[in-house]
Amino acid sequence: MANRPLIGITSSAHRVSPSYILLWLAVRLAGGRPCRIGVRQRGGAELVDGVILAGGNDVSPSLFNRSRKPLHRYDPARDALELRVLRVARQRRIPVLGICRGAQLMNIAHGGTIHMAVRKAYRNARYPHHPLAHLTFRKLVEIVPGSLFARVMGVSSLMVNSLHRQSIDDPGDGIAVTAREVNGVAQAIEDSTMPFYLGVQFHPELMLYRAAYRRLLRTFIGSAAEETAERSGQHPG
């Protein structure tokens, strides 16, 4: 375990969700040492070898100059935490994987914007949102050839799940959209100037029974191990 890269997983100040637990398990299975980065925890991106910005509540609209939805729950403390974590991760050039909310926050951190209602922004974007659909509903995503996402997944298209009601609108500075649905909804973003800087709109931790999603986590963990070994002047594995 000592040689496994330490992977920070962000979360709210509240109790961890089933999705967080699955991410924790996925990191362990992929060869990493998972740890929680939360509002109440000490430390952050300064102490880890890679960061996962996990899913959760919608990012506060004030971060991209939009009004809050009435009666909608936001988590500004988590927003501030993850923006700080992301800034440090970029300074240290450690791998970052954003999941759903995490991908949206990555885009916002670069000055990008968010569609606050994906079903209004795109035609044919009314997805089922009852709990059973979160486990069973899938939609087709086309991947940009030559992108990091394409290299990691090893395919040109992919069936993904759908738990989001918002989506990425204008990409931020340095951010490229590298996967979209047929209707245009962005499903992956990345920054090619970083060793591994990828955000996905879907939840791979809920589809670990598929080899492609296990490969995504393994590649992310492997990148963290390589970057850590390079900084220490050692060779991984």
C-alpha atoms as a PDB file:
ATOM      1  CA  MET A   1       0.000   0.000   0.000  1.00  0.00           C
ATOM      2  CA  ALA A   2       2.902   2.394   0.686  1.00  0.00           C
ATOM      3  CA  ASN A   3       3.781   2.624  -3.019  1.00  0.00           C
ATOM      4  CA  ARG A   4       0.236   3.357  -4.118  1.00  0.00           C
ATOM      5  CA  PRO A   5      -0.419   6.997  -5.100  1.00  0.00           C
ATOM      6  CA  LEU A   6      -2.546   8.946  -2.634  1.00  0.00           C
ATOM      7  CA  ILE A   7      -5.763  10.099  -4.327  1.00  0.00           C
ATOM      8  CA  GLY A   8      -7.905  12.823  -2.805  1.00  0.00           C
ATOM      9  CA  ILE A   9     -11.671  12.592  -3.416  1.00  0.00           C
ATOM     10  CA  THR A  10     -13.645  15.762  -2.747  1.00  0.00           C
ATOM     11  CA  SER A  11     -16.944  15.743  -0.889  1.00  0.00           C
ATOM     12  CA  SER A  12     -19.338  17.982   0.994  1.00  0.00           C
ATOM     13  CA  ALA A  13     -19.251  18.501   4.755  1.00  0.00           C
ATOM     14  CA  HIS A  14     -22.177  16.110   5.128  1.00  0.00           C
ATOM     15  CA  ARG A  15     -22.119  12.340   5.327  1.00  0.00           C
ATOM     16  CA  VAL A  16     -20.496  10.609   2.385  1.00  0.00           C
ATOM     17  CA  SER A  17     -22.826   9.449  -0.385  1.00  0.00           C
ATOM     18  CA  PRO A  18     -23.057   5.970  -1.945  1.00  0.00           C
ATOM     19  CA  SER A  19     -21.337   7.453  -5.003  1.00  0.00           C
ATOM     20  CA  TYR A  20     -18.395   8.560  -2.839  1.00  0.00           C
ATOM     21  CA  ILE A  21     -18.116   5.083  -1.327  1.00  0.00           C
ATOM     22  CA  LEU A  22     -18.074   3.555  -4.814  1.00  0.00           C
ATOM     23  CA  LEU A  23     -15.375   6.036  -5.875  1.00  0.00           C
ATOM     24  CA  TRP A  24     -13.346   5.144  -2.793  1.00  0.00           C
ATOM     25  CA  LEU A  25     -13.619   1.471  -3.717  1.00  0.00           C
ATOM     26  CA  ALA A  26     -12.843   2.160  -7.388  1.00  0.00           C
ATOM     27  CA  VAL A  27      -9.623   3.969  -6.431  1.00  0.00           C
ATOM     28  CA  ARG A  28      -8.561   1.052  -4.230  1.00  0.00           C
ATOM     29  CA  LEU A  29      -9.280  -1.463  -6.981  1.00  0.00           C
ATOM     30  CA  ALA A  30      -7.375   0.681  -9.512  1.00  0.00           C
ATOM     31  CA  GLY A  31      -4.237   0.718  -7.353  1.00  0.00           C
ATOM     32  CA  GLY A  32      -4.567   3.979  -5.418  1.00  0.00           C
ATOM     33  CA  ARG A  33      -4.930   4.991  -1.774  1.00  0.00           C
ATOM     34  CA  PRO A  34      -8.162   6.992  -1.494  1.00  0.00           C
ATOM     35  CA  CYS A  35      -8.601   9.774   1.041  1.00  0.00           C
ATOM     36  CA  ARG A  36     -11.373  12.286   1.596  1.00  0.00           C
ATOM     37  CA  ILE A  37     -10.904  15.983   0.892  1.00  0.00           C
ATOM     38  CA  GLY A  38     -13.842  17.689   2.550  1.00  0.00           C
ATOM     39  CA  VAL A  39     -14.691  21.052   4.024  1.00  0.00           C
ATOM     40  CA  ARG A  40     -13.977  19.757   7.535  1.00  0.00           C
ATOM     41  CA  GLN A  41     -10.817  17.786   6.699  1.00  0.00           C
ATOM     42  CA  ARG A  42      -7.319  19.162   7.089  1.00  0.00           C
ATOM     43  CA  GLY A  43      -5.057  19.306   4.071  1.00  0.00           C
ATOM     44  CA  GLY A  44      -5.981  19.089   0.438  1.00  0.00           C
ATOM     45  CA  ALA A  45      -4.264  18.953  -2.923  1.00  0.00           C
ATOM     46  CA  GLU A  46      -0.908  19.833  -1.298  1.00  0.00           C
ATOM     47  CA  LEU A  47      -0.730  16.338   0.199  1.00  0.00           C
ATOM     48  CA  VAL A  48      -2.031  14.039  -2.538  1.00  0.00           C
ATOM     49  CA  ASP A  49      -0.746  12.602  -5.819  1.00  0.00           C
ATOM     50  CA  GLY A  50      -3.996  13.031  -7.737  1.00  0.00           C
ATOM     51  CA  VAL A  51      -7.448  14.580  -7.279  1.00  0.00           C
ATOM     52  CA  ILE A  52     -10.956  13.406  -8.102  1.00  0.00           C
ATOM     53  CA  LEU A  53     -13.584  16.162  -8.074  1.00  0.00           C
ATOM     54  CA  ALA A  54     -16.619  14.038  -7.297  1.00  0.00           C
ATOM     55  CA  GLY A  55     -20.277  14.498  -8.162  1.00  0.00           C
ATOM     56  CA  GLY A  56     -22.831  16.196  -5.936  1.00  0.00           C
ATOM     57  CA  ASN A  57     -25.043  19.284  -5.735  1.00  0.00           C
ATOM     58  CA  ASP A  58     -25.063  21.788  -8.591  1.00  0.00           C
ATOM     59  CA  VAL A  59     -22.235  24.327  -8.615  1.00  0.00           C
ATOM     60  CA  SER A  60     -23.392  27.757  -7.380  1.00  0.00           C
ATOM     61  CA  PRO A  61     -24.584  29.877 -10.363  1.00  0.00           C
ATOM     62  CA  SER A  62     -22.924  32.956  -8.872  1.00  0.00           C
ATOM     63  CA  LEU A  63     -19.602  31.505 -10.028  1.00  0.00           C
ATOM     64  CA  PHE A  64     -20.623  32.041 -13.660  1.00  0.00           C
ATOM     65  CA  ASN A  65     -22.794  35.147 -13.219  1.00  0.00           C
ATOM     66  CA  ARG A  66     -26.208  33.480 -13.189  1.00  0.00           C
ATOM     67  CA  SER A  67     -29.069  33.648 -10.686  1.00  0.00           C
ATOM     68  CA  ARG A  68     -29.783  30.891  -8.224  1.00  0.00           C
ATOM     69  CA  LYS A  69     -32.705  28.561  -8.880  1.00  0.00           C
ATOM     70  CA  PRO A  70     -35.547  29.167  -6.403  1.00  0.00           C
ATOM     71  CA  LEU A  71     -35.599  26.695  -3.500  1.00  0.00           C
ATOM     72  CA  HIS A  72     -32.506  24.966  -4.887  1.00  0.00           C
ATOM     73  CA  ARG A  73     -29.793  23.712  -2.533  1.00  0.00           C
ATOM     74  CA  TYR A  74     -26.211  24.810  -3.209  1.00  0.00           C
ATOM     75  CA  ASP A  75     -22.964  24.200  -1.343  1.00  0.00           C
ATOM     76  CA  PRO A  76     -20.768  27.346  -1.547  1.00  0.00           C
ATOM     77  CA  ALA A  77     -18.307  25.945   1.007  1.00  0.00           C
ATOM     78  CA  ARG A  78     -17.667  22.956  -1.239  1.00  0.00           C
ATOM     79  CA  ASP A  79     -17.419  25.210  -4.307  1.00  0.00           C
ATOM     80  CA  ALA A  80     -14.693  27.248  -2.587  1.00  0.00           C
ATOM     81  CA  LEU A  81     -12.890  24.105  -1.421  1.00  0.00           C
ATOM     82  CA  GLU A  82     -12.829  22.529  -4.873  1.00  0.00           C
ATOM     83  CA  LEU A  83     -11.731  25.723  -6.623  1.00  0.00           C
ATOM     84  CA  ARG A  84      -8.845  25.931  -4.166  1.00  0.00           C
ATOM     85  CA  VAL A  85      -8.009  22.238  -4.617  1.00  0.00           C
ATOM     86  CA  LEU A  86      -8.101  22.612  -8.390  1.00  0.00           C
ATOM     87  CA  ARG A  87      -5.818  25.662  -8.303  1.00  0.00           C
ATOM     88  CA  VAL A  88      -3.226  23.805  -6.224  1.00  0.00           C
ATOM     89  CA  ALA A  89      -3.516  20.683  -8.379  1.00  0.00           C
ATOM     90  CA  ARG A  90      -2.783  22.720 -11.498  1.00  0.00           C
ATOM     91  CA  GLN A  91       0.159  24.450  -9.828  1.00  0.00           C
ATOM     92  CA  ARG A  92       1.591  21.069  -8.834  1.00  0.00           C
ATOM     93  CA  ARG A  93       0.585  19.519 -12.188  1.00  0.00           C
ATOM     94  CA  ILE A  94      -0.924  16.465 -10.548  1.00  0.00           C
ATOM     95  CA  PRO A  95      -3.634  14.484 -12.371  1.00  0.00           C
ATOM     96  CA  VAL A  96      -7.243  15.652 -12.051  1.00  0.00           C
ATOM     97  CA  LEU A  97     -10.403  13.703 -12.856  1.00  0.00           C
ATOM     98  CA  GLY A  98     -13.705  15.588 -12.620  1.00  0.00           C
ATOM     99  CA  ILE A  99     -16.971  13.649 -12.430  1.00  0.00           C
ATOM    100  CA  CYS A 100     -20.324  15.253 -13.324  1.00  0.00           C
ATOM    101  CA  ARG A 101     -20.405  18.282 -10.985  1.00  0.00           C
ATOM    102  CA  GLY A 102     -16.604  18.062 -10.909  1.00  0.00           C
ATOM    103  CA  ALA A 103     -16.335  18.437 -14.684  1.00  0.00           C
ATOM    104  CA  GLN A 104     -18.628  21.463 -14.577  1.00  0.00           C
ATOM    105  CA  LEU A 105     -16.570  23.067 -11.826  1.00  0.00           C
ATOM    106  CA  MET A 106     -13.381  22.498 -13.847  1.00  0.00           C
ATOM    107  CA  ASN A 107     -14.933  24.377 -16.751  1.00  0.00           C
ATOM    108  CA  ILE A 108     -16.111  27.215 -14.514  1.00  0.00           C
ATOM    109  CA  ALA A 109     -12.638  27.510 -12.966  1.00  0.00           C
ATOM    110  CA  HIS A 110     -11.323  28.291 -16.461  1.00  0.00           C
ATOM    111  CA  GLY A 111     -13.962  30.966 -17.081  1.00  0.00           C
ATOM    112  CA  GLY A 112     -16.468  28.717 -18.840  1.00  0.00           C
ATOM    113  CA  THR A 113     -20.231  28.605 -18.375  1.00  0.00           C
ATOM    114  CA  ILE A 114     -22.927  26.056 -17.613  1.00  0.00           C
ATOM    115  CA  HIS A 115     -26.372  25.304 -19.022  1.00  0.00           C
ATOM    116  CA  MET A 116     -28.546  25.281 -15.899  1.00  0.00           C
ATOM    117  CA  ALA A 117     -31.259  23.173 -17.567  1.00  0.00           C
ATOM    118  CA  VAL A 118     -29.909  20.803 -20.200  1.00  0.00           C
ATOM    119  CA  ARG A 119     -33.411  19.792 -21.335  1.00  0.00           C
ATOM    120  CA  LYS A 120     -34.114  23.427 -22.280  1.00  0.00           C
ATOM    121  CA  ALA A 121     -30.756  24.042 -23.916  1.00  0.00           C
ATOM    122  CA  TYR A 122     -30.842  21.048 -26.294  1.00  0.00           C
ATOM    123  CA  ARG A 123     -33.424  19.157 -28.281  1.00  0.00           C
ATOM    124  CA  ASN A 124     -33.875  15.500 -27.350  1.00  0.00           C
ATOM    125  CA  ALA A 125     -32.242  16.034 -23.961  1.00  0.00           C
ATOM    126  CA  ARG A 126     -35.094  14.983 -21.672  1.00  0.00           C
ATOM    127  CA  TYR A 127     -33.596  12.096 -19.755  1.00  0.00           C
ATOM    128  CA  PRO A 128     -35.352  10.025 -17.071  1.00  0.00           C
ATOM    129  CA  HIS A 129     -34.236  10.921 -13.539  1.00  0.00           C
ATOM    130  CA  HIS A 130     -35.909   8.420 -11.249  1.00  0.00           C
ATOM    131  CA  PRO A 131     -33.475   6.233  -9.213  1.00  0.00           C
ATOM    132  CA  LEU A 132     -33.927   3.148 -11.389  1.00  0.00           C
ATOM    133  CA  ALA A 133     -32.993   5.150 -14.493  1.00  0.00           C
ATOM    134  CA  HIS A 134     -29.738   6.193 -12.819  1.00  0.00           C
ATOM    135  CA  LEU A 135     -28.809   2.528 -12.794  1.00  0.00           C
ATOM    136  CA  THR A 136     -30.147   1.471 -16.190  1.00  0.00           C
ATOM    137  CA  PHE A 137     -30.525   4.394 -18.641  1.00  0.00           C
ATOM    138  CA  ARG A 138     -27.687   4.818 -21.167  1.00  0.00           C
ATOM    139  CA  LYS A 139     -26.977   7.262 -24.012  1.00  0.00           C
ATOM    140  CA  LEU A 140     -24.455   7.305 -26.853  1.00  0.00           C
ATOM    141  CA  VAL A 141     -21.393   9.564 -26.741  1.00  0.00           C
ATOM    142  CA  GLU A 142     -19.062  10.238 -29.680  1.00  0.00           C
ATOM    143  CA  ILE A 143     -15.396  10.821 -28.760  1.00  0.00           C
ATOM    144  CA  VAL A 144     -12.984  13.186 -30.538  1.00  0.00           C
ATOM    145  CA  PRO A 145     -10.176  11.127 -32.147  1.00  0.00           C
ATOM    146  CA  GLY A 146      -6.684  11.756 -30.786  1.00  0.00           C
ATOM    147  CA  SER A 147      -7.941  13.254 -27.518  1.00  0.00           C
ATOM    148  CA  LEU A 148      -6.817  12.097 -24.086  1.00  0.00           C
ATOM    149  CA  PHE A 149     -10.305  10.711 -23.540  1.00  0.00           C
ATOM    150  CA  ALA A 150     -10.084   8.697 -26.764  1.00  0.00           C
ATOM    151  CA  ARG A 151      -6.666   7.312 -25.812  1.00  0.00           C
ATOM    152  CA  VAL A 152      -7.830   6.373 -22.340  1.00  0.00           C
ATOM    153  CA  MET A 153     -11.078   4.693 -23.377  1.00  0.00           C
ATOM    154  CA  GLY A 154      -9.694   3.083 -26.531  1.00  0.00           C
ATOM    155  CA  VAL A 155     -12.967   3.482 -28.453  1.00  0.00           C
ATOM    156  CA  SER A 156     -14.601   6.054 -30.740  1.00  0.00           C
ATOM    157  CA  SER A 157     -18.002   5.947 -29.034  1.00  0.00           C
ATOM    158  CA  LEU A 158     -19.354   4.957 -25.671  1.00  0.00           C
ATOM    159  CA  MET A 159     -22.619   4.340 -23.836  1.00  0.00           C
ATOM    160  CA  VAL A 160     -22.763   6.407 -20.630  1.00  0.00           C
ATOM    161  CA  ASN A 161     -25.212   6.933 -17.774  1.00  0.00           C
ATOM    162  CA  SER A 162     -27.111  10.145 -17.097  1.00  0.00           C
ATOM    163  CA  LEU A 163     -27.506  11.692 -13.642  1.00  0.00           C
ATOM    164  CA  HIS A 164     -27.107  15.359 -14.587  1.00  0.00           C
ATOM    165  CA  ARG A 165     -29.645  18.133 -15.168  1.00  0.00           C
ATOM    166  CA  GLN A 166     -26.984  20.714 -16.079  1.00  0.00           C
ATOM    167  CA  SER A 167     -24.208  20.593 -18.667  1.00  0.00           C
ATOM    168  CA  ILE A 168     -21.199  22.499 -19.936  1.00  0.00           C
ATOM    169  CA  ASP A 169     -22.021  25.449 -22.197  1.00  0.00           C
ATOM    170  CA  ASP A 170     -19.080  27.615 -23.318  1.00  0.00           C
ATOM    171  CA  PRO A 171     -15.709  25.924 -22.681  1.00  0.00           C
ATOM    172  CA  GLY A 172     -13.305  27.880 -20.479  1.00  0.00           C
ATOM    173  CA  ASP A 173      -9.831  29.050 -21.468  1.00  0.00           C
ATOM    174  CA  GLY A 174      -7.673  26.112 -22.514  1.00  0.00           C
ATOM    175  CA  ILE A 175     -10.575  23.668 -22.198  1.00  0.00           C
ATOM    176  CA  ALA A 176     -11.580  21.459 -25.144  1.00  0.00           C
ATOM    177  CA  VAL A 177     -14.781  19.450 -25.398  1.00  0.00           C
ATOM    178  CA  THR A 178     -13.676  15.982 -26.463  1.00  0.00           C
ATOM    179  CA  ALA A 179     -16.926  14.003 -26.333  1.00  0.00           C
ATOM    180  CA  ARG A 180     -20.531  14.896 -27.109  1.00  0.00           C
ATOM    181  CA  GLU A 181     -23.876  13.230 -27.456  1.00  0.00           C
ATOM    182  CA  VAL A 182     -25.555  13.278 -30.866  1.00  0.00           C
ATOM    183  CA  ASN A 183     -27.736  16.156 -29.630  1.00  0.00           C
ATOM    184  CA  GLY A 184     -24.613  18.202 -28.788  1.00  0.00           C
ATOM    185  CA  VAL A 185     -24.482  17.852 -24.992  1.00  0.00           C
ATOM    186  CA  ALA A 186     -20.850  17.891 -23.834  1.00  0.00           C
ATOM    187  CA  GLN A 187     -19.789  14.715 -22.055  1.00  0.00           C
ATOM    188  CA  ALA A 188     -16.012  15.146 -21.688  1.00  0.00           C
ATOM    189  CA  ILE A 189     -13.575  18.052 -21.408  1.00  0.00           C
ATOM    190  CA  GLU A 190      -9.813  18.236 -21.078  1.00  0.00           C
ATOM    191  CA  ASP A 191      -6.766  20.496 -21.033  1.00  0.00           C
ATOM    192  CA  SER A 192      -3.985  19.101 -23.212  1.00  0.00           C
ATOM    193  CA  THR A 193      -1.323  21.252 -21.525  1.00  0.00           C
ATOM    194  CA  MET A 194      -1.642  19.146 -18.357  1.00  0.00           C
ATOM    195  CA  PRO A 195      -0.405  15.549 -17.943  1.00  0.00           C
ATOM    196  CA  PHE A 196      -3.915  14.321 -17.059  1.00  0.00           C
ATOM    197  CA  TYR A 197      -6.753  16.825 -16.755  1.00  0.00           C
ATOM    198  CA  LEU A 198     -10.069  15.279 -17.713  1.00  0.00           C
ATOM    199  CA  GLY A 199     -13.679  15.933 -16.769  1.00  0.00           C
ATOM    200  CA  VAL A 200     -16.548  13.600 -17.629  1.00  0.00           C
ATOM    201  CA  GLN A 201     -20.251  14.390 -17.296  1.00  0.00           C
ATOM    202  CA  PHE A 202     -21.192  10.809 -16.454  1.00  0.00           C
ATOM    203  CA  HIS A 203     -20.441   8.650 -13.380  1.00  0.00           C
ATOM    204  CA  PRO A 204     -17.878   5.903 -14.139  1.00  0.00           C
ATOM    205  CA  GLU A 205     -17.988   4.654 -10.534  1.00  0.00           C
ATOM    206  CA  LEU A 206     -21.534   3.410 -11.187  1.00  0.00           C
ATOM    207  CA  MET A 207     -20.408   1.348 -14.211  1.00  0.00           C
ATOM    208  CA  LEU A 208     -17.322  -0.469 -12.936  1.00  0.00           C
ATOM    209  CA  TYR A 209     -18.698  -3.723 -14.317  1.00  0.00           C
ATOM    210  CA  ARG A 210     -17.546  -2.426 -17.732  1.00  0.00           C
ATOM    211  CA  ALA A 211     -13.843  -2.717 -18.574  1.00  0.00           C
ATOM    212  CA  ALA A 212     -13.736   0.739 -20.192  1.00  0.00           C
ATOM    213  CA  TYR A 213     -14.647   2.493 -16.948  1.00  0.00           C
ATOM    214  CA  ARG A 214     -12.221   0.441 -14.877  1.00  0.00           C
ATOM    215  CA  ARG A 215      -9.580   1.428 -17.450  1.00  0.00           C
ATOM    216  CA  LEU A 216     -10.423   5.111 -16.963  1.00  0.00           C
ATOM    217  CA  LEU A 217      -9.741   4.850 -13.220  1.00  0.00           C
ATOM    218  CA  ARG A 218      -6.600   2.731 -13.727  1.00  0.00           C
ATOM    219  CA  THR A 219      -5.172   5.199 -16.248  1.00  0.00           C
ATOM    220  CA  PHE A 220      -5.840   8.112 -13.916  1.00  0.00           C
ATOM    221  CA  ILE A 221      -4.168   6.277 -11.002  1.00  0.00           C
ATOM    222  CA  GLY A 222      -1.276   5.274 -13.257  1.00  0.00           C
ATOM    223  CA  SER A 223      -0.761   8.884 -14.289  1.00  0.00           C
ATOM    224  CA  ALA A 224      -0.653   9.900 -10.619  1.00  0.00           C
ATOM    225  CA  ALA A 225       1.982   7.229  -9.949  1.00  0.00           C
ATOM    226  CA  GLU A 226       4.079   8.365 -12.927  1.00  0.00           C
ATOM    227  CA  GLU A 227       3.961  12.041 -11.973  1.00  0.00           C
ATOM    228  CA  THR A 228       4.845  11.248  -8.374  1.00  0.00           C
ATOM    229  CA  ALA A 229       7.779   9.063  -9.440  1.00  0.00           C
ATOM    230  CA  GLU A 230       9.022  11.772 -11.810  1.00  0.00           C
ATOM    231  CA  ARG A 231       8.945  14.429  -9.094  1.00  0.00           C
ATOM    232  CA  SER A 232      10.870  12.142  -6.725  1.00  0.00           C
ATOM    233  CA  GLY A 233      13.364  11.051  -9.379  1.00  0.00           C
ATOM    234  CA  GLN A 234      12.235   7.428  -9.198  1.00  0.00           C
ATOM    235  CA  HIS A 235      10.731   5.050 -11.738  1.00  0.00           C
ATOM    236  CA  PRO A 236       7.168   3.753 -11.133  1.00  0.00           C
ATOM    237  CA  GLY A 237       6.555   0.051 -10.705  1.00  0.00           C
END
